[in-house]
N, C-alpha and C. Protein backbone atom coordinates (compact mmCIF):
# COMPACT_ATOMS: atom_id res chain seq x y z
N UNK A 1 63.66 -52.55 -18.61
CA UNK A 1 63.79 -51.67 -19.98
C UNK A 1 64.63 -52.86 -21.25
N UNK A 2 65.46 -53.08 -20.72
CA UNK A 2 65.96 -54.56 -21.53
C UNK A 2 64.27 -54.98 -22.40
N UNK A 3 63.84 -55.53 -21.71
CA UNK A 3 62.81 -56.51 -22.57
C UNK A 3 61.95 -55.47 -23.28
N UNK A 4 61.59 -54.73 -22.93
CA UNK A 4 60.39 -53.86 -23.70
C UNK A 4 61.77 -53.36 -24.81
N UNK A 5 63.04 -53.35 -24.95
CA UNK A 5 64.10 -53.24 -26.28
C UNK A 5 63.78 -54.56 -27.37
N UNK A 6 63.59 -55.66 -26.20
CA UNK A 6 63.49 -56.71 -27.36
C UNK A 6 62.15 -56.85 -27.85
N UNK A 7 61.14 -56.34 -27.05
CA UNK A 7 60.00 -56.63 -27.76
C UNK A 7 59.65 -55.92 -29.20
N UNK A 8 60.33 -54.49 -28.71
CA UNK A 8 60.32 -53.41 -29.83
C UNK A 8 61.29 -53.53 -31.28
N UNK A 9 62.05 -54.85 -31.13
CA UNK A 9 62.72 -55.46 -31.84
C UNK A 9 64.11 -54.41 -31.90
N UNK A 10 64.47 -54.13 -30.89
CA UNK A 10 66.08 -54.11 -30.21
C UNK A 10 67.05 -55.09 -30.90
N UNK A 11 68.42 -54.89 -30.37
CA UNK A 11 69.54 -55.80 -30.95
C UNK A 11 69.29 -56.69 -30.02
N UNK A 12 68.51 -56.91 -28.42
CA UNK A 12 68.41 -58.01 -28.08
C UNK A 12 67.39 -58.34 -28.06
N UNK A 13 66.41 -58.59 -29.21
CA UNK A 13 65.33 -59.07 -30.07
C UNK A 13 65.05 -60.45 -29.18
N UNK A 14 66.13 -61.34 -29.47
CA UNK A 14 65.86 -62.50 -28.76
C UNK A 14 66.42 -63.08 -27.70
N UNK A 15 66.65 -62.59 -27.06
CA UNK A 15 67.38 -62.71 -25.78
C UNK A 15 66.87 -62.50 -24.27
N UNK A 16 66.92 -63.29 -23.77
CA UNK A 16 65.90 -63.10 -22.40
C UNK A 16 67.22 -62.38 -21.72
N UNK A 17 66.99 -61.13 -20.86
CA UNK A 17 67.90 -60.45 -20.20
C UNK A 17 68.66 -60.71 -19.42
N UNK A 18 67.50 -61.62 -18.26
CA UNK A 18 68.54 -61.67 -17.13
C UNK A 18 67.89 -62.97 -16.05
N UNK A 19 68.38 -63.23 -15.00
CA UNK A 19 67.83 -64.71 -14.74
C UNK A 19 67.04 -64.48 -14.22
N UNK A 20 65.72 -63.54 -13.44
CA UNK A 20 64.64 -63.70 -13.36
C UNK A 20 63.68 -63.93 -14.72
N UNK A 21 64.04 -63.47 -15.89
CA UNK A 21 63.03 -63.49 -16.61
C UNK A 21 63.30 -65.20 -17.06
N UNK A 22 64.58 -65.18 -17.29
CA UNK A 22 64.53 -67.26 -17.84
C UNK A 22 64.00 -67.91 -16.45
N UNK A 23 63.70 -67.93 -15.40
CA UNK A 23 63.16 -68.50 -14.36
C UNK A 23 62.09 -67.95 -14.89
N UNK A 24 61.53 -67.44 -14.89
CA UNK A 24 60.39 -66.72 -15.27
C UNK A 24 59.04 -67.84 -16.39
N UNK A 25 60.25 -67.25 -17.56
CA UNK A 25 60.25 -68.30 -18.53
C UNK A 25 59.99 -69.81 -18.28
N UNK A 26 61.10 -70.23 -17.51
CA UNK A 26 60.96 -71.77 -17.91
C UNK A 26 59.70 -72.42 -16.67
N UNK A 27 59.48 -70.98 -16.22
CA UNK A 27 58.27 -72.00 -15.21
C UNK A 27 57.22 -72.00 -15.89
N UNK A 28 57.22 -70.55 -16.79
CA UNK A 28 55.62 -70.63 -17.28
C UNK A 28 55.90 -72.11 -18.40
N UNK A 29 56.72 -72.31 -18.80
CA UNK A 29 56.78 -73.91 -19.69
C UNK A 29 56.25 -74.79 -19.03
N UNK A 30 57.16 -74.85 -17.85
CA UNK A 30 56.98 -76.07 -16.98
C UNK A 30 55.42 -76.26 -16.49
N UNK A 31 54.31 -75.34 -16.85
CA UNK A 31 53.07 -74.96 -16.68
C UNK A 31 52.71 -74.25 -15.01
N UNK A 32 53.82 -73.27 -14.66
CA UNK A 32 53.33 -73.06 -13.02
C UNK A 32 52.27 -71.74 -13.48
N UNK A 33 51.21 -71.76 -13.03
CA UNK A 33 50.32 -70.58 -12.91
C UNK A 33 50.76 -69.38 -12.59
N UNK A 34 51.25 -69.15 -11.80
CA UNK A 34 51.93 -68.21 -10.99
C UNK A 34 52.79 -67.27 -12.11
N UNK A 35 53.53 -68.09 -12.46
CA UNK A 35 54.53 -67.37 -13.61
C UNK A 35 53.40 -66.93 -14.84
N UNK A 36 52.42 -67.34 -15.36
CA UNK A 36 51.61 -67.04 -16.17
C UNK A 36 50.76 -65.88 -15.78
N UNK A 37 50.60 -65.70 -14.15
CA UNK A 37 50.36 -64.21 -13.40
C UNK A 37 51.29 -63.34 -13.89
N UNK A 38 52.78 -63.23 -13.90
CA UNK A 38 53.87 -63.09 -13.83
C UNK A 38 54.24 -62.84 -14.74
N UNK A 39 53.81 -63.01 -16.23
CA UNK A 39 53.65 -62.66 -17.31
C UNK A 39 52.39 -61.69 -17.99
N UNK A 40 51.55 -61.81 -17.32
CA UNK A 40 50.11 -61.53 -17.56
C UNK A 40 50.21 -60.05 -17.42
N UNK A 41 51.06 -59.86 -16.14
CA UNK A 41 51.45 -58.37 -15.56
C UNK A 41 51.91 -57.95 -16.02
N UNK A 42 53.23 -58.52 -16.73
CA UNK A 42 54.48 -58.15 -17.26
C UNK A 42 54.23 -57.41 -18.85
N UNK A 43 53.16 -58.09 -19.81
CA UNK A 43 52.97 -58.11 -21.05
C UNK A 43 51.85 -57.46 -21.78
N UNK A 44 50.42 -58.04 -20.55
CA UNK A 44 49.40 -57.62 -20.93
C UNK A 44 49.31 -56.06 -21.81
N UNK A 45 49.42 -55.41 -20.72
CA UNK A 45 49.36 -53.91 -21.44
C UNK A 45 49.91 -53.42 -22.63
N UNK A 46 51.25 -53.98 -23.34
CA UNK A 46 51.32 -54.06 -24.45
C UNK A 46 50.79 -54.89 -25.41
N UNK A 47 50.21 -55.97 -24.97
CA UNK A 47 49.72 -57.15 -25.60
C UNK A 47 48.28 -55.88 -26.36
N UNK A 48 47.46 -55.87 -25.60
CA UNK A 48 46.25 -54.86 -25.22
C UNK A 48 46.87 -53.73 -26.44
N UNK A 49 47.73 -53.03 -26.58
CA UNK A 49 48.14 -51.51 -27.05
C UNK A 49 48.15 -51.92 -28.14
N UNK A 50 49.01 -52.94 -28.52
CA UNK A 50 49.08 -53.20 -30.10
C UNK A 50 47.60 -53.70 -30.65
N UNK A 51 47.07 -54.22 -30.05
CA UNK A 51 45.35 -54.97 -30.61
C UNK A 51 44.98 -53.51 -30.91
N UNK A 52 44.82 -52.79 -29.78
CA UNK A 52 43.96 -51.64 -29.88
C UNK A 52 44.41 -50.51 -31.04
N UNK A 53 45.79 -50.57 -30.99
CA UNK A 53 45.87 -49.31 -32.06
C UNK A 53 45.82 -50.26 -33.43
N UNK A 54 45.66 -51.47 -33.42
CA UNK A 54 45.49 -52.31 -34.88
C UNK A 54 44.16 -51.97 -34.99
N UNK A 55 43.18 -52.29 -34.00
CA UNK A 55 41.72 -52.34 -34.19
C UNK A 55 40.94 -51.64 -33.98
N UNK A 56 41.37 -50.34 -33.38
CA UNK A 56 40.50 -49.79 -33.11
C UNK A 56 39.28 -49.75 -32.62
N UNK A 57 39.35 -50.70 -31.60
CA UNK A 57 38.20 -51.05 -30.72
C UNK A 57 38.51 -51.71 -29.48
N UNK A 58 38.26 -51.42 -28.20
CA UNK A 58 38.88 -51.58 -27.29
C UNK A 58 38.17 -53.39 -26.88
N UNK A 59 36.88 -53.39 -26.86
CA UNK A 59 36.56 -54.55 -26.51
C UNK A 59 36.97 -55.47 -27.28
N UNK A 60 37.63 -55.64 -28.84
CA UNK A 60 37.98 -56.47 -29.48
C UNK A 60 39.82 -56.61 -28.78
N UNK A 61 40.20 -55.05 -28.62
CA UNK A 61 41.52 -55.52 -28.13
C UNK A 61 41.52 -56.24 -26.95
N UNK A 62 40.65 -56.16 -25.89
CA UNK A 62 40.44 -57.20 -24.82
C UNK A 62 40.87 -58.52 -25.40
N UNK A 63 39.78 -58.75 -26.09
CA UNK A 63 39.72 -60.11 -26.73
C UNK A 63 41.01 -60.78 -26.93
N UNK A 64 41.62 -59.95 -28.01
CA UNK A 64 42.64 -60.08 -28.07
C UNK A 64 43.78 -60.21 -27.21
N UNK A 65 43.81 -59.77 -26.67
CA UNK A 65 44.56 -59.99 -25.46
C UNK A 65 44.29 -61.30 -24.19
N UNK A 66 43.20 -61.30 -24.12
CA UNK A 66 43.01 -62.61 -23.56
C UNK A 66 43.28 -63.61 -23.95
N UNK A 67 42.64 -64.18 -25.56
CA UNK A 67 43.20 -64.83 -26.40
C UNK A 67 44.58 -65.20 -26.27
N UNK A 68 44.96 -63.97 -26.37
CA UNK A 68 46.84 -64.42 -26.63
C UNK A 68 47.46 -65.12 -25.19
N UNK A 69 46.81 -65.00 -24.62
CA UNK A 69 47.28 -65.72 -22.75
C UNK A 69 46.95 -66.67 -22.49
N UNK A 70 45.72 -66.87 -23.21
CA UNK A 70 44.47 -68.29 -23.45
C UNK A 70 45.77 -69.08 -24.62
N UNK A 71 46.00 -68.79 -25.58
CA UNK A 71 46.72 -69.26 -26.39
C UNK A 71 48.08 -69.70 -26.43
N UNK A 72 48.92 -68.52 -25.40
CA UNK A 72 50.03 -69.05 -24.77
C UNK A 72 50.50 -70.07 -23.79
N UNK A 73 49.42 -70.10 -22.98
CA UNK A 73 49.00 -70.75 -21.68
C UNK A 73 49.21 -72.43 -22.58
N UNK A 74 48.34 -72.77 -23.48
CA UNK A 74 47.96 -73.93 -23.86
C UNK A 74 49.14 -74.66 -24.53
N UNK A 75 49.58 -73.43 -25.43
CA UNK A 75 50.85 -74.24 -26.04
C UNK A 75 52.41 -73.65 -25.49
N UNK A 76 52.35 -73.74 -24.12
CA UNK A 76 53.21 -73.45 -23.35
C UNK A 76 54.75 -74.38 -23.66
N UNK A 77 54.64 -75.62 -23.75
CA UNK A 77 55.12 -76.33 -23.99
C UNK A 77 56.28 -76.45 -25.52
N UNK A 78 55.46 -75.21 -25.90
CA UNK A 78 56.66 -75.58 -26.90
C UNK A 78 57.05 -74.29 -27.22
N UNK A 79 56.94 -73.22 -26.67
CA UNK A 79 57.72 -72.57 -26.25
C UNK A 79 59.37 -73.05 -26.01
N UNK A 80 60.21 -72.18 -26.79
CA UNK A 80 61.78 -72.59 -26.76
C UNK A 80 62.78 -71.27 -26.73
N UNK A 81 63.22 -70.81 -25.57
CA UNK A 81 63.96 -70.05 -25.19
C UNK A 81 65.21 -70.08 -26.00
N UNK A 82 65.56 -70.86 -27.14
CA UNK A 82 66.30 -70.71 -27.53
C UNK A 82 66.44 -70.03 -29.07
N UNK A 83 65.02 -69.64 -29.07
CA UNK A 83 64.59 -69.99 -30.37
C UNK A 83 63.60 -68.02 -30.44
N UNK A 84 63.50 -67.64 -29.20
CA UNK A 84 63.33 -66.40 -29.39
C UNK A 84 62.85 -66.15 -27.59
N UNK A 85 62.87 -65.54 -27.48
CA UNK A 85 62.70 -64.43 -25.88
C UNK A 85 61.03 -64.87 -25.71
N UNK A 86 60.79 -64.93 -24.43
CA UNK A 86 59.14 -65.27 -24.08
C UNK A 86 58.59 -64.04 -24.74
N UNK A 87 58.81 -62.73 -24.64
CA UNK A 87 58.14 -61.25 -25.03
C UNK A 87 57.92 -61.70 -26.79
N UNK A 88 59.31 -62.27 -27.24
CA UNK A 88 59.18 -61.81 -28.56
C UNK A 88 57.49 -63.17 -29.34
N UNK A 89 57.92 -64.43 -28.74
CA UNK A 89 57.05 -65.44 -28.85
C UNK A 89 55.70 -64.72 -28.20
N UNK A 90 55.12 -63.81 -27.39
CA UNK A 90 54.10 -63.21 -26.97
C UNK A 90 53.60 -62.64 -28.22
N UNK A 91 54.67 -61.83 -28.89
CA UNK A 91 53.87 -61.02 -29.72
C UNK A 91 53.27 -61.32 -30.92
N UNK A 92 54.22 -62.59 -30.86
CA UNK A 92 53.78 -63.53 -32.19
C UNK A 92 52.51 -63.98 -32.17
N UNK A 93 52.54 -64.23 -31.00
CA UNK A 93 50.89 -65.29 -31.22
C UNK A 93 49.84 -63.47 -31.20
N UNK A 94 50.29 -62.48 -30.50
CA UNK A 94 49.18 -61.11 -30.37
C UNK A 94 49.22 -60.93 -31.99
N UNK A 95 50.09 -60.62 -32.17
CA UNK A 95 49.79 -60.34 -34.03
C UNK A 95 49.09 -61.94 -34.76
N UNK A 96 49.21 -62.69 -34.35
CA UNK A 96 47.96 -63.77 -35.05
C UNK A 96 46.55 -63.47 -34.94
N UNK A 97 46.14 -63.20 -33.43
CA UNK A 97 45.23 -63.07 -33.12
C UNK A 97 44.66 -61.83 -33.86
N UNK A 98 45.57 -60.31 -33.71
CA UNK A 98 45.06 -59.67 -34.14
C UNK A 98 44.38 -59.71 -35.88
N UNK A 99 45.82 -60.30 -36.33
CA UNK A 99 45.42 -60.74 -38.23
C UNK A 99 43.73 -61.55 -37.85
N UNK A 100 43.63 -62.75 -36.79
CA UNK A 100 42.12 -63.31 -36.55
C UNK A 100 41.49 -62.52 -36.94
N UNK A 101 40.95 -61.02 -35.70
CA UNK A 101 40.30 -60.17 -35.71
C UNK A 101 39.68 -59.45 -36.76
N UNK A 102 40.69 -59.08 -37.50
CA UNK A 102 41.05 -58.31 -38.73
C UNK A 102 39.73 -59.04 -39.47
N UNK A 103 40.49 -60.60 -39.88
CA UNK A 103 39.53 -61.76 -40.54
C UNK A 103 38.17 -61.75 -40.39
N UNK A 104 37.79 -61.88 -38.68
CA UNK A 104 36.25 -62.17 -38.66
C UNK A 104 35.81 -60.83 -38.87
N UNK A 105 36.44 -59.60 -38.88
CA UNK A 105 35.67 -57.93 -38.75
C UNK A 105 35.17 -58.10 -40.29
N UNK A 106 36.30 -58.58 -40.93
CA UNK A 106 35.70 -58.17 -42.63
C UNK A 106 34.68 -59.45 -42.85
N UNK A 107 34.71 -60.71 -42.14
CA UNK A 107 33.83 -61.65 -42.58
C UNK A 107 32.26 -61.05 -42.07
N UNK A 108 32.20 -60.59 -40.92
CA UNK A 108 31.42 -60.68 -40.45
C UNK A 108 30.52 -59.15 -41.01
N UNK A 109 31.29 -58.53 -41.92
CA UNK A 109 30.73 -57.51 -42.23
C UNK A 109 29.96 -57.26 -43.34
N UNK A 110 30.67 -58.88 -44.56
CA UNK A 110 29.87 -59.10 -45.31
C UNK A 110 28.71 -59.84 -44.92
N UNK A 111 28.88 -60.92 -43.89
CA UNK A 111 27.81 -61.74 -43.47
C UNK A 111 26.62 -60.50 -43.06
N UNK A 112 26.84 -59.50 -42.39
CA UNK A 112 25.82 -58.66 -42.04
C UNK A 112 25.38 -57.80 -43.47
N UNK A 113 26.07 -57.58 -44.39
CA UNK A 113 25.71 -57.14 -45.49
C UNK A 113 24.43 -57.77 -46.11
N UNK A 114 24.80 -59.30 -46.24
CA UNK A 114 23.81 -59.86 -46.80
C UNK A 114 22.77 -59.88 -45.98
N UNK A 115 22.95 -60.20 -44.76
CA UNK A 115 21.62 -60.29 -44.12
C UNK A 115 20.66 -58.87 -43.95
N UNK A 116 21.46 -57.82 -43.79
CA UNK A 116 20.85 -56.50 -44.07
C UNK A 116 19.93 -56.29 -45.82
N UNK A 117 20.79 -56.93 -46.63
CA UNK A 117 19.73 -57.13 -47.90
C UNK A 117 18.78 -58.00 -47.56
N UNK A 118 18.58 -59.16 -47.17
CA UNK A 118 17.45 -59.68 -46.83
C UNK A 118 16.49 -59.11 -46.01
N UNK A 119 16.94 -58.25 -44.97
CA UNK A 119 15.53 -57.53 -43.99
C UNK A 119 15.35 -56.54 -45.03
N UNK A 120 16.18 -55.62 -46.09
CA UNK A 120 15.15 -54.66 -46.76
C UNK A 120 14.12 -54.65 -47.48
N UNK A 121 12.97 -54.06 -47.64
CA UNK A 121 12.43 -54.63 -48.17
C UNK A 121 12.45 -54.41 -50.22
N UNK A 122 12.24 -55.54 -50.65
CA UNK A 122 12.47 -55.63 -52.22
C UNK A 122 11.77 -54.33 -52.68
N UNK A 123 12.56 -53.50 -53.65
CA UNK A 123 11.44 -52.36 -54.52
C UNK A 123 11.36 -52.90 -56.00
N UNK A 124 12.11 -53.67 -56.28
CA UNK A 124 11.56 -54.32 -57.61
C UNK A 124 11.00 -55.68 -57.81
N UNK A 125 11.41 -56.62 -56.67
CA UNK A 125 11.33 -58.03 -56.92
C UNK A 125 10.56 -58.43 -55.89
N UNK A 126 9.74 -59.40 -55.30
CA UNK A 126 9.17 -60.23 -54.33
C UNK A 126 10.24 -60.67 -53.38
N UNK A 127 10.11 -60.57 -52.10
CA UNK A 127 11.61 -61.09 -51.17
C UNK A 127 11.57 -63.00 -50.99
N UNK A 128 12.34 -63.27 -51.47
CA UNK A 128 12.46 -64.58 -51.73
C UNK A 128 11.83 -65.63 -50.35
N UNK A 129 10.67 -65.78 -50.15
CA UNK A 129 10.02 -66.55 -49.12
C UNK A 129 10.95 -67.51 -48.55
N UNK A 130 11.01 -68.03 -49.56
CA UNK A 130 11.90 -69.64 -48.83
C UNK A 130 13.10 -69.11 -47.95
N UNK A 131 13.82 -68.27 -48.58
CA UNK A 131 14.70 -67.45 -47.98
C UNK A 131 14.64 -66.99 -46.74
N UNK A 132 13.86 -66.08 -46.32
CA UNK A 132 13.27 -65.77 -45.26
C UNK A 132 12.37 -66.35 -44.16
N UNK A 133 12.25 -67.88 -44.75
CA UNK A 133 11.79 -68.78 -44.09
C UNK A 133 12.95 -69.17 -43.13
N UNK A 134 13.94 -69.57 -43.90
CA UNK A 134 15.20 -69.93 -43.81
C UNK A 134 15.79 -69.40 -42.93
N UNK A 135 16.12 -67.56 -42.96
CA UNK A 135 16.69 -66.84 -42.01
C UNK A 135 16.09 -66.81 -40.80
N UNK A 136 14.52 -66.98 -40.82
CA UNK A 136 13.93 -67.51 -39.24
C UNK A 136 14.28 -68.26 -38.64
N UNK A 137 14.27 -69.40 -39.32
CA UNK A 137 14.81 -70.88 -38.72
C UNK A 137 15.90 -70.77 -38.05
N UNK A 138 16.48 -70.06 -38.90
CA UNK A 138 18.13 -70.20 -38.41
C UNK A 138 17.96 -69.46 -37.24
N UNK A 139 17.88 -68.40 -37.15
CA UNK A 139 17.49 -67.23 -35.83
C UNK A 139 16.98 -68.16 -35.00
N UNK A 140 15.91 -69.23 -34.78
CA UNK A 140 15.34 -69.36 -33.54
C UNK A 140 16.56 -70.60 -33.28
N UNK A 141 17.42 -70.85 -33.94
CA UNK A 141 18.29 -72.39 -33.21
C UNK A 141 19.47 -71.52 -32.49
N UNK A 142 19.63 -70.01 -32.59
CA UNK A 142 20.39 -69.53 -31.61
C UNK A 142 19.90 -69.47 -30.18
N UNK A 143 21.05 -69.55 -29.31
CA UNK A 143 20.72 -69.44 -27.99
C UNK A 143 19.63 -67.95 -27.76
N UNK A 144 19.20 -68.20 -26.77
CA UNK A 144 18.22 -66.37 -26.23
C UNK A 144 19.21 -65.96 -26.05
N UNK A 145 20.03 -64.98 -25.77
CA UNK A 145 20.77 -63.83 -25.58
C UNK A 145 20.96 -63.51 -27.23
N UNK A 146 21.77 -64.65 -27.61
CA UNK A 146 22.20 -64.57 -29.27
C UNK A 146 21.17 -63.83 -29.74
N UNK A 147 20.09 -64.71 -29.75
CA UNK A 147 18.73 -64.58 -30.68
C UNK A 147 18.42 -62.75 -30.60
N UNK A 148 18.65 -62.57 -29.36
CA UNK A 148 18.14 -61.42 -28.90
C UNK A 148 18.69 -59.76 -29.61
N UNK A 149 20.22 -60.49 -29.25
CA UNK A 149 20.99 -59.57 -30.06
C UNK A 149 20.84 -59.34 -31.85
N UNK A 150 20.81 -60.23 -32.22
CA UNK A 150 20.80 -60.59 -34.08
C UNK A 150 19.21 -59.92 -33.84
N UNK A 151 18.20 -60.36 -33.31
CA UNK A 151 16.91 -59.42 -33.81
C UNK A 151 16.81 -57.89 -33.48
N UNK A 152 17.54 -57.56 -32.48
CA UNK A 152 17.97 -55.93 -32.56
C UNK A 152 18.82 -55.59 -33.26
N UNK A 153 19.69 -56.11 -33.72
CA UNK A 153 20.42 -55.67 -35.01
C UNK A 153 20.30 -55.36 -36.26
N UNK A 154 19.19 -56.04 -36.39
CA UNK A 154 18.81 -55.83 -37.93
C UNK A 154 17.46 -56.15 -38.08
N UNK A 155 16.46 -56.36 -37.12
CA UNK A 155 15.14 -55.92 -37.18
C UNK A 155 14.93 -54.54 -36.91
N UNK A 156 15.47 -54.37 -35.52
CA UNK A 156 15.25 -52.94 -35.43
C UNK A 156 16.34 -51.97 -35.27
N UNK A 157 17.16 -52.83 -35.85
CA UNK A 157 18.51 -51.41 -36.68
C UNK A 157 18.62 -50.89 -35.56
N UNK A 158 19.05 -51.60 -34.36
CA UNK A 158 19.83 -50.52 -33.18
C UNK A 158 21.61 -50.81 -32.92
N UNK A 159 22.32 -50.22 -33.09
CA UNK A 159 23.57 -49.94 -33.17
C UNK A 159 23.95 -51.03 -31.73
N UNK A 160 25.10 -51.40 -31.90
CA UNK A 160 25.70 -52.16 -30.88
C UNK A 160 25.43 -51.69 -29.36
N UNK A 161 26.00 -50.06 -29.10
CA UNK A 161 25.90 -49.15 -27.75
C UNK A 161 24.15 -49.63 -27.52
N UNK A 162 22.80 -49.57 -28.89
CA UNK A 162 21.98 -48.92 -28.16
C UNK A 162 21.21 -50.76 -27.29
N UNK A 163 21.94 -52.01 -28.39
CA UNK A 163 21.45 -53.34 -27.60
C UNK A 163 21.73 -52.97 -26.34
N UNK A 164 23.07 -53.06 -25.92
CA UNK A 164 24.04 -53.03 -24.85
C UNK A 164 22.66 -52.22 -23.67
N UNK A 165 22.38 -51.00 -24.03
CA UNK A 165 21.62 -50.53 -23.11
C UNK A 165 20.40 -50.62 -22.86
N UNK A 166 19.70 -51.57 -23.98
CA UNK A 166 18.36 -51.98 -23.63
C UNK A 166 18.14 -53.76 -22.95
N UNK A 167 19.83 -54.28 -23.49
CA UNK A 167 19.54 -55.72 -22.78
C UNK A 167 20.57 -55.52 -21.72
N UNK A 168 21.20 -54.09 -20.73
CA UNK A 168 21.69 -54.51 -20.29
C UNK A 168 22.68 -55.81 -19.92
N UNK A 169 23.89 -55.87 -21.08
CA UNK A 169 24.55 -56.71 -21.35
C UNK A 169 25.94 -55.77 -21.82
N UNK A 170 27.21 -55.80 -21.08
CA UNK A 170 28.33 -55.38 -21.67
C UNK A 170 28.80 -55.18 -23.46
N UNK A 171 28.93 -54.07 -23.68
CA UNK A 171 29.29 -53.96 -25.12
C UNK A 171 30.18 -55.16 -26.34
N UNK A 172 30.98 -55.72 -25.06
CA UNK A 172 31.75 -56.30 -25.63
C UNK A 172 31.33 -57.72 -25.96
N UNK A 173 30.18 -57.68 -25.08
CA UNK A 173 29.42 -59.29 -25.19
C UNK A 173 28.33 -59.51 -26.22
N UNK A 174 27.95 -58.15 -26.31
CA UNK A 174 26.80 -57.63 -27.76
C UNK A 174 27.61 -58.26 -28.83
N UNK A 175 28.78 -57.59 -29.14
CA UNK A 175 29.40 -57.62 -30.58
C UNK A 175 29.99 -59.02 -30.11
N UNK A 176 30.43 -59.68 -29.73
CA UNK A 176 30.80 -61.28 -29.47
C UNK A 176 29.44 -62.30 -29.83
N UNK A 177 28.18 -62.20 -29.47
CA UNK A 177 27.46 -62.57 -29.84
C UNK A 177 26.91 -62.49 -30.98
N UNK A 178 27.15 -61.31 -31.52
CA UNK A 178 26.60 -60.71 -33.12
C UNK A 178 27.46 -61.69 -33.88
N UNK A 179 28.92 -61.44 -33.64
CA UNK A 179 30.16 -62.00 -34.37
C UNK A 179 29.30 -63.78 -34.48
N UNK A 180 29.79 -64.07 -33.44
CA UNK A 180 29.70 -65.79 -33.49
C UNK A 180 28.18 -65.98 -34.20
N UNK A 181 26.91 -64.98 -33.92
CA UNK A 181 25.84 -65.98 -34.20
C UNK A 181 25.88 -65.72 -35.55
N UNK A 182 26.47 -64.76 -36.35
CA UNK A 182 26.68 -64.45 -37.48
C UNK A 182 26.96 -65.19 -38.09
N UNK A 183 28.44 -66.18 -37.89
CA UNK A 183 29.16 -66.84 -38.57
C UNK A 183 28.04 -68.38 -38.28
N UNK A 184 28.22 -68.37 -37.26
CA UNK A 184 27.22 -69.91 -37.24
C UNK A 184 26.17 -69.96 -38.14
N UNK A 185 24.77 -68.72 -38.29
CA UNK A 185 24.26 -68.64 -39.47
C UNK A 185 24.54 -68.92 -40.75
N UNK A 186 25.69 -68.13 -40.80
CA UNK A 186 25.97 -68.20 -42.54
C UNK A 186 26.72 -69.79 -42.70
N UNK A 187 26.89 -70.50 -41.89
CA UNK A 187 27.50 -71.71 -42.03
C UNK A 187 26.09 -72.58 -42.53
N UNK A 188 25.84 -72.74 -41.20
CA UNK A 188 24.48 -73.26 -41.52
C UNK A 188 23.78 -73.16 -42.73
N UNK A 189 23.82 -72.03 -42.86
CA UNK A 189 22.91 -71.25 -44.65
C UNK A 189 23.54 -71.94 -45.99
N UNK A 190 24.49 -71.86 -45.67
CA UNK A 190 25.59 -72.09 -46.89
C UNK A 190 25.74 -73.87 -46.73
N UNK A 191 25.27 -74.40 -45.90
CA UNK A 191 25.48 -75.83 -45.71
C UNK A 191 24.35 -76.02 -46.17
N UNK A 192 23.08 -75.48 -45.99
CA UNK A 192 21.67 -75.74 -46.82
C UNK A 192 21.67 -75.64 -48.31
N UNK A 193 22.51 -74.58 -48.39
CA UNK A 193 22.28 -74.30 -49.79
C UNK A 193 23.01 -75.39 -50.78
N UNK A 194 23.94 -75.93 -49.79
CA UNK A 194 24.67 -77.03 -51.04
C UNK A 194 23.68 -78.23 -50.65
N UNK A 195 23.12 -78.24 -50.14
CA UNK A 195 22.24 -79.44 -49.83
C UNK A 195 21.12 -79.42 -50.70
N UNK A 196 20.65 -78.52 -50.95
CA UNK A 196 19.47 -78.58 -52.21
C UNK A 196 20.06 -78.39 -53.71
């Protein structure tokens, strides 16, 4: 219970409460995989809940939770128990991951809007054939699963859930494919425009 108070910003916020917590934190910092499992078992539910409340999406919350513990493991040598409790350190990482997820979501929405404008028939002007060819070429560069997801989303106008059902692919995987594919396509398309 004291550890929960530390995460919630209680007066003990930066103090590791007992010897067991200190031992687990030190073992984790030293690279003990068993300590990582203990930490995950103890704090993953809290990280997931924070992410879910902020993002409102289960698959994104799962991605944030996994990413938080992967980041913590990779950066374990930088953990300093004199500066913060392990729980506070983990929550700080989780908050950064949540902020990253919000940025990716906003960016994906902008790219999605741009791609949808490309896909919608122009009422008053002819579509730019060069742009259409460029988008088609970029689409072909995607891996097969990602290409299928993007085509179903933009050309067949299916929802994430419909794509998941049609392809027999988990919903989180569909969203990840779409998010990553749009980012890759946008980066390459912007690079092509600069080159011309």
